[in-house]
Amino acid sequence: MLFNSEVFLFLFLPIAYVVFWLLRSKRQRYVWLAITGYVFYAGWNWKFCFLMLFSTIVSYTTGLLLLREGWTQRQRKYVLVVPVTVDLLLLGFFKYANFTLRSMAGASALLGHPVPVRHLDIVLPIGISFYTFHTISYVVDCYRRVVKPTRDFWEFVSYVSLFSQLVAGPIVRFRQIESDLDHIDSVPRRKYIDIGWSYFVIGLCQKVLLADLIAAVINPALEHYGQLGTLTSWACMLGYSYQLYFDFAGYSNMAVGLGYLFGLHIPQNFNTPYKADGIGDFWRRWHISLSSCLRDYLYIPLGGSRCGVAMVYRNLMLTMLIGGLWHGANWTFVAWGAYHGGLLCLNRAFEANWERIAAPLRRSITFLLVIVGWVLFRSTSFAMARALLGKMFWIAPSAAVTAFPTLLALLVVASLFGHFGKNTFEMTHAWGLAMRCALLAGFALCVIRIVTSVSTPFLYFQF
């Protein structure tokens, strides 16, 4: 089920909202949130609800075990390792099994001893990377005693299956909404209704009126990337940079808005990343929930910045390589992670020199470097990446792109919002009449487009 669909907007959400507020007790609301989460997920494939439930039960049981007194540190580690291993094995099988087989076949062919490998008929469960992060972060935080494991099974089920952030994030850690869940029976309905709808409508407009319109122009062009020239290649990749941002930031804003409608504070996931004045700053602003998880559960345990220079660079590279692989089972994602890992290492090595550059130039260079990285991220193969980069950095005749003037107009609008506008967490959301009318008009335009065209999935659904 998609947020930008008629079924969600006019059937699922109204029912979920009205019933939630008719229920009074904490337990009733937990159960209802769990039911709506599984119904939402079942709209894609009901069979994989059992996989999510299994992962949920394993993590919940682990939390209860960690509540027991008398465990030695070694025993606690065993209790930690088992569920994390189970979650990673499930993620690895569904997301990376065929990738591993393809890689082995490719490696054997390079060595001159090709081995035929049969492709497994595996369906990737939507959102598995996100809810796996939820369960693993919960278990690790319980082990570290950062949070006290909940004894309420339905509270934990509602946390893992919360439909507003279930399939594409943000990655919400239990400790970030634990207080809201504990007081879910006492939150006043009217307190957050305005801010909730404000976030949701802004996010919907970002997705439907910006990201999707840009995609409608650049996707057909990128399917025939061999016909693009220098100008059109840059225009398409600039368009993709804005499409990806407004698609995912739009989803995150809708998730935050939906959270408010149900009395939950979902944390910020984007902080106008294209205003970043360095690669390190970019990663503090882009997909904040993922970058903070990689920092807290991978980079810091590896040693972080507390070790020698060489080890710090190793930690940065490993973190970004794994972060790249998390995004998809393709070597282009690994290369994208390596690219950003290398940039972070350079940023650390020449930080003092970098700071001497004027801020506007730092922001421009950073954005240019990010666009180059998005070529790897968007490309389905290294051949496509090489072709696009070659055209972008070596003069090639520009072929016509259908609706190119429309793309240019969209790029202007997107750049104004992406580089100069406030993000939703900087806004007051206490709107006057004029802004309320503008939001209503934006919502109406979104509905018209949704009704008259095919709803497009969010880009991060594939991850």
Protein backbone atom coordinates (compact mmCIF):
# COMPACT_ATOMS: atom_id res chain seq x y z
CA MET A 1 0.00 0.00 0.00
CA LEU A 2 1.29 3.45 -0.89
CA PHE A 3 0.77 6.72 0.97
CA ASN A 4 0.14 8.32 -2.42
CA SER A 5 -2.78 6.06 -3.32
CA GLU A 6 -6.54 6.39 -3.22
CA VAL A 7 -6.91 3.31 -1.02
CA PHE A 8 -4.60 4.73 1.63
CA LEU A 9 -5.90 8.30 1.58
CA PHE A 10 -9.63 7.61 1.43
CA LEU A 11 -10.04 4.21 3.08
CA PHE A 12 -7.13 2.93 5.17
CA LEU A 13 -6.06 6.17 6.86
CA PRO A 14 -9.55 7.43 7.83
CA ILE A 15 -10.48 4.05 9.34
CA ALA A 16 -7.14 3.72 11.15
CA TYR A 17 -7.40 7.24 12.53
CA VAL A 18 -11.04 7.18 13.65
CA VAL A 19 -10.85 3.78 15.33
CA PHE A 20 -7.58 4.67 17.10
CA TRP A 21 -9.14 7.72 18.74
CA LEU A 22 -12.33 5.86 19.65
CA LEU A 23 -10.23 3.38 21.62
CA ARG A 24 -9.29 4.54 25.11
CA SER A 25 -6.90 2.15 26.80
CA LYS A 26 -3.20 1.77 26.14
CA ARG A 27 -3.53 -1.92 25.29
CA GLN A 28 -6.36 -1.30 22.83
CA ARG A 29 -4.35 1.31 20.99
CA TYR A 30 -1.26 -0.92 20.87
CA VAL A 31 -3.31 -3.73 19.38
CA TRP A 32 -4.94 -1.42 16.86
CA LEU A 33 -1.59 0.03 15.73
CA ALA A 34 -0.28 -3.53 15.34
CA ILE A 35 -3.35 -4.56 13.30
CA THR A 36 -3.14 -1.52 11.03
CA GLY A 37 0.60 -2.12 10.54
CA TYR A 38 0.05 -5.71 9.42
CA VAL A 39 -2.91 -4.80 7.22
CA PHE A 40 -0.79 -2.07 5.63
CA TYR A 41 2.05 -4.53 5.04
CA ALA A 42 -0.29 -7.26 3.80
CA GLY A 43 -1.43 -4.89 1.07
CA TRP A 44 1.86 -5.76 -0.63
CA ASN A 45 2.21 -9.48 0.23
CA TRP A 46 0.43 -10.98 3.24
CA LYS A 47 2.73 -14.02 3.36
CA PHE A 48 5.70 -11.95 4.49
CA CYS A 49 3.77 -10.74 7.53
CA PHE A 50 4.83 -14.00 9.14
CA LEU A 51 8.49 -13.19 8.51
CA MET A 52 8.12 -9.81 10.22
CA LEU A 53 6.20 -11.42 13.08
CA PHE A 54 8.93 -14.04 13.53
CA SER A 55 11.62 -11.35 13.71
CA THR A 56 9.45 -9.40 16.16
CA ILE A 57 8.94 -12.39 18.46
CA VAL A 58 12.65 -13.24 18.47
CA SER A 59 13.62 -9.68 19.44
CA TYR A 60 10.85 -9.33 22.03
CA THR A 61 11.86 -12.63 23.66
CA THR A 62 15.49 -11.51 23.70
CA GLY A 63 14.48 -8.37 25.55
CA LEU A 64 12.69 -10.44 28.19
CA LEU A 65 15.76 -12.66 28.59
CA LEU A 66 17.95 -9.59 29.11
CA LEU A 67 15.65 -8.52 31.95
CA ARG A 68 16.68 -11.54 33.95
CA GLU A 69 19.19 -10.98 36.72
CA GLY A 70 22.26 -13.10 37.25
CA TRP A 71 23.51 -13.34 33.67
CA THR A 72 27.28 -13.22 33.29
CA GLN A 73 28.65 -10.85 30.68
CA ARG A 74 29.48 -13.80 28.45
CA GLN A 75 25.94 -15.15 28.74
CA ARG A 76 24.52 -11.71 27.91
CA LYS A 77 26.65 -11.66 24.77
CA TYR A 78 25.25 -15.01 23.70
CA VAL A 79 21.74 -13.66 24.25
CA LEU A 80 22.68 -10.69 22.06
CA VAL A 81 24.44 -12.59 19.28
CA VAL A 82 21.75 -15.19 18.60
CA PRO A 83 18.85 -12.86 17.63
CA VAL A 84 21.12 -10.45 15.75
CA THR A 85 22.52 -13.40 13.78
CA VAL A 86 19.01 -14.68 13.03
CA ASP A 87 17.91 -11.25 11.75
CA LEU A 88 21.04 -10.81 9.64
CA LEU A 89 20.72 -14.31 8.17
CA LEU A 90 17.12 -13.62 7.15
CA LEU A 91 18.11 -10.29 5.63
CA GLY A 92 21.11 -11.88 3.94
CA PHE A 93 19.10 -14.70 2.41
CA PHE A 94 16.29 -12.62 0.97
CA LYS A 95 18.36 -9.61 -0.07
CA TYR A 96 21.81 -10.94 -0.90
CA ALA A 97 21.57 -14.64 -1.82
CA ASN A 98 21.27 -14.09 -5.57
CA PHE A 99 23.80 -11.26 -5.42
CA THR A 100 26.29 -13.62 -3.79
CA LEU A 101 25.64 -16.33 -6.38
CA ARG A 102 26.05 -13.86 -9.26
CA SER A 103 29.26 -12.55 -7.75
CA MET A 104 30.64 -16.07 -7.34
CA ALA A 105 29.76 -16.89 -10.95
CA GLY A 106 31.41 -13.69 -12.14
CA ALA A 107 34.55 -14.36 -10.09
CA SER A 108 34.83 -17.93 -11.40
CA ALA A 109 34.49 -16.68 -14.98
CA LEU A 110 37.28 -14.15 -14.44
CA LEU A 111 39.51 -16.92 -13.11
CA GLY A 112 38.89 -18.92 -16.27
CA HIS A 113 36.79 -21.63 -14.63
CA PRO A 114 33.18 -20.54 -15.14
CA VAL A 115 30.72 -22.24 -12.84
CA PRO A 116 27.04 -22.24 -13.87
CA VAL A 117 24.94 -20.85 -11.04
CA ARG A 118 21.20 -21.17 -10.83
CA HIS A 119 19.30 -18.03 -9.97
CA LEU A 120 17.08 -18.56 -6.90
CA ASP A 121 13.44 -17.58 -7.17
CA ILE A 122 13.44 -15.23 -4.17
CA VAL A 123 11.04 -12.34 -3.64
CA LEU A 124 12.59 -9.50 -1.64
CA PRO A 125 10.21 -8.61 1.22
CA ILE A 126 9.50 -4.90 1.03
CA GLY A 127 10.91 -2.92 3.95
CA ILE A 128 12.91 -5.85 5.36
CA SER A 129 16.03 -3.69 5.73
CA PHE A 130 14.10 -1.15 7.77
CA TYR A 131 12.26 -3.39 10.20
CA THR A 132 15.40 -5.51 10.63
CA PHE A 133 17.21 -2.35 11.73
CA HIS A 134 14.36 -1.71 14.19
CA THR A 135 14.63 -5.14 15.79
CA ILE A 136 18.43 -5.24 15.84
CA SER A 137 18.76 -1.73 17.30
CA TYR A 138 16.25 -2.68 20.01
CA VAL A 139 18.17 -5.81 20.99
CA VAL A 140 21.52 -4.00 21.01
CA ASP A 141 20.11 -1.11 23.07
CA CYS A 142 18.62 -3.57 25.55
CA TYR A 143 22.00 -5.32 25.81
CA ARG A 144 23.73 -1.98 26.37
CA ARG A 145 21.05 -1.06 28.93
CA VAL A 146 20.23 2.05 26.92
CA VAL A 147 16.56 1.05 27.11
CA LYS A 148 14.69 -1.18 29.49
CA PRO A 149 13.07 -4.04 27.53
CA THR A 150 9.31 -3.77 27.38
CA ARG A 151 7.23 -6.54 28.91
CA ASP A 152 4.21 -5.56 26.86
CA PHE A 153 4.19 -7.70 23.73
CA TRP A 154 1.67 -5.51 21.94
CA GLU A 155 3.68 -2.38 22.62
CA PHE A 156 6.67 -3.95 20.92
CA VAL A 157 4.61 -5.29 17.99
CA SER A 158 3.11 -1.85 17.44
CA TYR A 159 6.61 -0.33 17.47
CA VAL A 160 8.03 -2.71 14.85
CA SER A 161 4.96 -2.67 12.58
CA LEU A 162 4.11 1.03 12.88
CA PHE A 163 2.72 1.62 9.38
CA SER A 164 3.88 5.22 9.07
CA GLN A 165 7.54 4.18 8.90
CA LEU A 166 7.36 0.44 8.26
CA VAL A 167 8.57 0.03 4.70
CA ALA A 168 10.87 3.00 4.02
CA GLY A 169 11.82 4.56 7.33
CA PRO A 170 12.85 6.68 9.04
CA ILE A 171 14.63 4.03 11.10
CA VAL A 172 13.04 4.78 14.46
CA ARG A 173 14.78 3.39 17.51
CA PHE A 174 12.60 2.19 20.35
CA ARG A 175 14.10 4.69 22.77
CA GLN A 176 13.04 7.55 20.46
CA ILE A 177 9.32 6.81 20.81
CA GLU A 178 9.28 4.79 24.03
CA SER A 179 7.87 7.68 26.04
CA ASP A 180 5.18 8.36 23.42
CA LEU A 181 4.16 4.69 23.43
CA ASP A 182 4.05 4.65 27.22
CA HIS A 183 1.66 7.63 27.21
CA ILE A 184 -0.30 6.74 24.12
CA ASP A 185 -3.56 6.54 26.10
CA SER A 186 -3.32 10.10 27.42
CA VAL A 187 -2.26 12.16 24.40
CA PRO A 188 -4.93 14.71 23.39
CA ARG A 189 -6.20 14.20 19.85
CA ARG A 190 -6.38 17.87 18.88
CA LYS A 191 -2.88 18.73 20.12
CA TYR A 192 -1.06 17.44 17.06
CA ILE A 193 -3.72 17.32 14.34
CA ASP A 194 -2.67 20.56 12.62
CA ILE A 195 1.06 19.86 12.64
CA GLY A 196 0.40 16.28 11.58
CA TRP A 197 -1.58 17.25 8.51
CA SER A 198 0.91 20.00 7.70
CA TYR A 199 3.84 17.55 7.60
CA PHE A 200 1.80 15.01 5.67
CA VAL A 201 0.56 17.38 2.97
CA ILE A 202 3.99 18.96 2.48
CA GLY A 203 5.51 15.50 2.12
CA LEU A 204 2.79 14.44 -0.31
CA CYS A 205 3.43 17.52 -2.45
CA GLN A 206 7.18 16.84 -2.43
CA LYS A 207 6.55 13.33 -3.67
CA VAL A 208 3.69 13.80 -6.15
CA LEU A 209 4.25 17.31 -7.49
CA LEU A 210 8.05 17.36 -7.58
CA ALA A 211 9.71 13.94 -7.42
CA ASP A 212 7.18 12.13 -9.61
CA LEU A 213 7.01 14.90 -12.21
CA ILE A 214 10.81 14.95 -12.49
CA ALA A 215 10.86 11.14 -12.73
CA ALA A 216 8.33 11.22 -15.57
CA VAL A 217 10.88 13.14 -17.67
CA ILE A 218 14.23 11.64 -16.66
CA ASN A 219 13.34 7.94 -16.37
CA PRO A 220 12.58 7.47 -20.08
CA ALA A 221 15.74 9.42 -20.94
CA LEU A 222 17.94 7.34 -18.62
CA GLU A 223 16.53 4.13 -20.10
CA HIS A 224 18.27 5.23 -23.30
CA TYR A 225 21.33 6.77 -21.65
CA GLY A 226 23.48 5.94 -24.66
CA GLN A 227 21.64 8.61 -26.64
CA LEU A 228 22.24 11.37 -24.09
CA GLY A 229 24.79 14.13 -24.55
CA THR A 230 26.73 16.20 -22.03
CA LEU A 231 24.01 18.74 -21.31
CA THR A 232 21.19 16.22 -21.13
CA SER A 233 23.25 13.82 -18.98
CA TRP A 234 23.89 16.58 -16.46
CA ALA A 235 20.24 17.64 -16.56
CA CYS A 236 19.05 14.07 -15.96
CA MET A 237 21.45 13.46 -13.07
CA LEU A 238 20.63 16.82 -11.54
CA GLY A 239 16.98 15.84 -11.90
CA TYR A 240 17.66 12.48 -10.27
CA SER A 241 19.43 14.21 -7.37
CA TYR A 242 16.30 16.24 -6.69
CA GLN A 243 13.95 13.34 -7.43
CA LEU A 244 15.68 11.10 -4.89
CA TYR A 245 15.73 13.84 -2.27
CA PHE A 246 12.12 14.96 -2.60
CA ASP A 247 10.89 11.37 -2.97
CA PHE A 248 12.53 10.16 0.23
CA ALA A 249 12.22 13.41 2.19
CA GLY A 250 8.58 13.50 1.13
CA TYR A 251 8.04 9.99 2.47
CA SER A 252 9.84 10.89 5.71
CA ASN A 253 7.72 14.01 6.15
CA MET A 254 4.55 12.01 5.57
CA ALA A 255 5.77 9.48 8.14
CA VAL A 256 6.38 12.27 10.65
CA GLY A 257 2.93 13.72 9.96
CA LEU A 258 1.23 10.36 10.36
CA GLY A 259 3.14 9.84 13.58
CA TYR A 260 1.79 13.12 14.96
CA LEU A 261 -1.76 12.13 13.99
CA PHE A 262 -1.40 9.12 16.29
CA GLY A 263 0.43 10.94 19.08
CA LEU A 264 3.96 9.75 18.16
CA HIS A 265 7.05 11.89 17.53
CA ILE A 266 9.00 10.36 14.66
CA PRO A 267 12.48 11.94 14.42
CA GLN A 268 13.83 14.09 11.62
CA ASN A 269 15.38 12.21 8.70
CA PHE A 270 16.50 15.05 6.40
CA ASN A 271 17.99 18.42 7.25
CA THR A 272 18.22 20.14 3.83
CA PRO A 273 21.25 18.02 2.84
CA TYR A 274 21.96 19.98 -0.33
CA LYS A 275 22.94 22.92 1.88
CA ALA A 276 25.84 20.84 3.23
CA ASP A 277 29.27 22.47 3.08
CA GLY A 278 31.22 19.21 3.19
CA ILE A 279 30.74 15.46 2.79
CA GLY A 280 30.76 14.95 6.56
CA ASP A 281 28.09 17.63 6.87
CA PHE A 282 26.11 15.98 4.07
CA TRP A 283 25.96 12.71 6.00
CA ARG A 284 24.81 14.55 9.11
CA ARG A 285 21.91 15.87 7.04
CA TRP A 286 21.04 13.02 4.63
CA HIS A 287 19.00 10.00 5.82
CA ILE A 288 19.87 10.93 9.40
CA SER A 289 18.29 7.83 10.91
CA LEU A 290 20.49 5.50 8.81
CA SER A 291 23.72 7.47 9.15
CA SER A 292 23.27 7.71 12.93
CA CYS A 293 22.61 3.95 13.14
CA LEU A 294 25.73 3.20 11.09
CA ARG A 295 27.67 5.51 13.39
CA ASP A 296 26.35 4.09 16.67
CA TYR A 297 26.17 0.39 15.79
CA LEU A 298 29.10 0.04 13.38
CA TYR A 299 31.55 2.94 13.20
CA ILE A 300 31.92 3.53 16.95
CA PRO A 301 32.13 -0.20 17.87
CA LEU A 302 34.88 -0.53 15.24
CA GLY A 303 36.82 2.12 17.15
CA GLY A 304 35.42 5.27 15.60
CA SER A 305 37.84 8.17 15.74
CA ARG A 306 39.50 7.02 18.95
CA CYS A 307 42.29 5.06 17.23
CA GLY A 308 45.20 5.81 14.94
CA VAL A 309 44.74 7.63 11.64
CA ALA A 310 44.97 4.50 9.51
CA MET A 311 42.36 2.72 11.63
CA VAL A 312 40.04 5.73 11.46
CA TYR A 313 40.22 5.60 7.67
CA ARG A 314 39.56 1.85 7.79
CA ASN A 315 36.52 2.42 10.00
CA LEU A 316 35.16 5.09 7.68
CA MET A 317 35.62 2.90 4.61
CA LEU A 318 34.09 -0.21 6.21
CA THR A 319 31.11 1.77 7.48
CA MET A 320 30.39 3.33 4.09
CA LEU A 321 30.98 0.08 2.18
CA ILE A 322 28.44 -1.69 4.39
CA GLY A 323 26.14 1.32 4.12
CA GLY A 324 26.37 1.10 0.34
CA LEU A 325 25.65 -2.61 0.34
CA TRP A 326 22.68 -2.05 2.67
CA HIS A 327 21.07 0.03 -0.06
CA GLY A 328 21.01 -2.75 -2.60
CA ALA A 329 22.46 -6.06 -3.78
CA ASN A 330 24.52 -4.62 -6.59
CA TRP A 331 28.21 -3.78 -6.90
CA THR A 332 27.29 -0.26 -8.01
CA PHE A 333 25.97 0.39 -4.49
CA VAL A 334 29.20 -0.96 -3.02
CA ALA A 335 31.14 1.37 -5.32
CA TRP A 336 28.91 4.26 -4.24
CA GLY A 337 29.69 3.44 -0.60
CA ALA A 338 33.41 3.24 -1.37
CA TYR A 339 33.21 6.59 -3.19
CA HIS A 340 31.67 8.30 -0.16
CA GLY A 341 34.04 6.49 2.19
CA GLY A 342 36.97 7.84 0.19
CA LEU A 343 35.49 11.36 0.26
CA LEU A 344 35.06 11.15 4.05
CA CYS A 345 38.69 10.08 4.41
CA LEU A 346 39.83 13.00 2.25
CA ASN A 347 37.57 15.33 4.19
CA ARG A 348 39.19 14.21 7.43
CA ALA A 349 42.73 14.47 6.03
CA PHE A 350 42.31 17.97 4.61
CA GLU A 351 39.66 19.36 6.96
CA ALA A 352 41.71 22.41 7.98
CA ASN A 353 42.38 23.36 4.35
CA TRP A 354 38.76 22.76 3.39
CA GLU A 355 37.51 25.15 6.07
CA ARG A 356 39.55 27.98 4.52
CA ILE A 357 37.45 27.82 1.34
CA ALA A 358 34.52 30.23 1.16
CA ALA A 359 31.27 28.67 2.36
CA PRO A 360 29.31 29.12 -0.93
CA LEU A 361 32.10 27.40 -2.85
CA ARG A 362 32.25 24.56 -0.30
CA ARG A 363 28.52 23.98 -0.71
CA SER A 364 28.79 24.02 -4.51
CA ILE A 365 31.69 21.55 -4.58
CA THR A 366 29.93 19.27 -2.10
CA PHE A 367 26.76 19.23 -4.20
CA LEU A 368 28.79 18.48 -7.33
CA LEU A 369 30.53 15.56 -5.59
CA VAL A 370 27.18 14.23 -4.38
CA ILE A 371 25.73 14.36 -7.92
CA VAL A 372 28.70 12.35 -9.21
CA GLY A 373 28.01 9.77 -6.51
CA TRP A 374 24.35 9.57 -7.50
CA VAL A 375 25.46 8.37 -10.95
CA LEU A 376 26.70 5.15 -9.32
CA PHE A 377 23.60 4.99 -7.14
CA ARG A 378 21.21 5.36 -10.08
CA SER A 379 23.06 3.17 -12.56
CA THR A 380 21.97 -0.44 -12.95
CA SER A 381 25.46 -1.45 -14.10
CA PHE A 382 29.00 -0.13 -14.24
CA ALA A 383 28.58 0.18 -18.01
CA MET A 384 25.78 2.66 -17.46
CA ALA A 385 27.79 4.54 -14.84
CA ARG A 386 30.84 4.75 -17.12
CA ALA A 387 28.72 5.96 -20.02
CA LEU A 388 27.01 8.68 -17.99
CA LEU A 389 30.20 9.89 -16.32
CA GLY A 390 31.99 9.87 -19.65
CA LYS A 391 29.30 12.05 -21.22
CA MET A 392 29.19 14.37 -18.19
CA PHE A 393 32.94 15.01 -18.16
CA TRP A 394 33.72 14.73 -21.87
CA ILE A 395 31.89 16.87 -24.39
CA ALA A 396 29.29 14.84 -26.26
CA PRO A 397 26.52 16.07 -28.56
CA SER A 398 23.25 16.46 -26.69
CA ALA A 399 20.31 14.49 -28.02
CA ALA A 400 16.80 15.77 -27.53
CA VAL A 401 15.00 14.83 -24.32
CA THR A 402 11.22 14.74 -24.39
CA ALA A 403 9.73 17.55 -22.26
CA PHE A 404 13.22 19.03 -21.65
CA PRO A 405 11.79 22.56 -21.05
CA THR A 406 9.47 21.05 -18.42
CA LEU A 407 12.47 19.41 -16.75
CA LEU A 408 14.35 22.71 -16.66
CA ALA A 409 11.38 24.42 -15.01
CA LEU A 410 11.10 21.63 -12.45
CA LEU A 411 14.83 21.84 -11.75
CA VAL A 412 14.52 25.55 -11.01
CA VAL A 413 11.67 24.94 -8.55
CA ALA A 414 13.45 21.98 -6.96
CA SER A 415 16.70 23.90 -6.57
CA LEU A 416 14.92 26.79 -4.85
CA PHE A 417 13.36 24.45 -2.30
CA GLY A 418 16.39 22.18 -2.00
CA HIS A 419 19.08 24.82 -1.58
CA PHE A 420 17.34 27.86 -0.16
CA GLY A 421 14.07 26.77 1.44
CA LYS A 422 13.46 25.71 5.01
CA ASN A 423 12.99 22.05 5.80
CA THR A 424 9.83 20.97 7.58
CA PHE A 425 11.51 20.81 11.00
CA GLU A 426 12.50 24.47 10.68
CA MET A 427 8.89 25.50 10.03
CA THR A 428 6.48 26.47 12.79
CA HIS A 429 3.49 24.72 11.15
CA ALA A 430 1.27 27.34 12.79
CA TRP A 431 -0.14 28.50 9.48
CA GLY A 432 -2.27 31.50 8.71
CA LEU A 433 -5.21 31.47 6.30
CA ALA A 434 -3.12 32.00 3.16
CA MET A 435 -0.79 29.07 3.90
CA ARG A 436 -3.70 26.83 4.87
CA CYS A 437 -5.31 27.57 1.52
CA ALA A 438 -2.01 26.85 -0.24
CA LEU A 439 -1.71 23.49 1.52
CA LEU A 440 -5.31 22.67 0.65
CA ALA A 441 -4.66 23.55 -2.99
CA GLY A 442 -1.48 21.44 -2.98
CA PHE A 443 -3.37 18.50 -1.50
CA ALA A 444 -6.11 18.89 -4.13
CA LEU A 445 -3.53 18.88 -6.94
CA CYS A 446 -1.93 15.77 -5.47
CA VAL A 447 -5.28 14.00 -5.30
CA ILE A 448 -6.06 14.93 -8.92
CA ARG A 449 -2.73 13.55 -10.07
CA ILE A 450 -3.13 10.39 -7.95
CA VAL A 451 -6.62 9.74 -9.30
CA THR A 452 -5.70 10.43 -12.93
CA SER A 453 -2.39 8.54 -13.08
CA VAL A 454 -0.73 5.40 -11.76
CA SER A 455 0.66 5.83 -8.24
CA THR A 456 4.43 5.43 -8.21
CA PRO A 457 6.26 3.62 -5.41
CA PHE A 458 8.78 5.46 -3.28
CA LEU A 459 12.36 4.93 -4.40
CA TYR A 460 13.51 3.63 -1.03
CA PHE A 461 10.95 0.80 -1.09
CA GLN A 462 13.55 -1.22 -3.03
CA PHE A 463 16.04 -0.96 -0.16
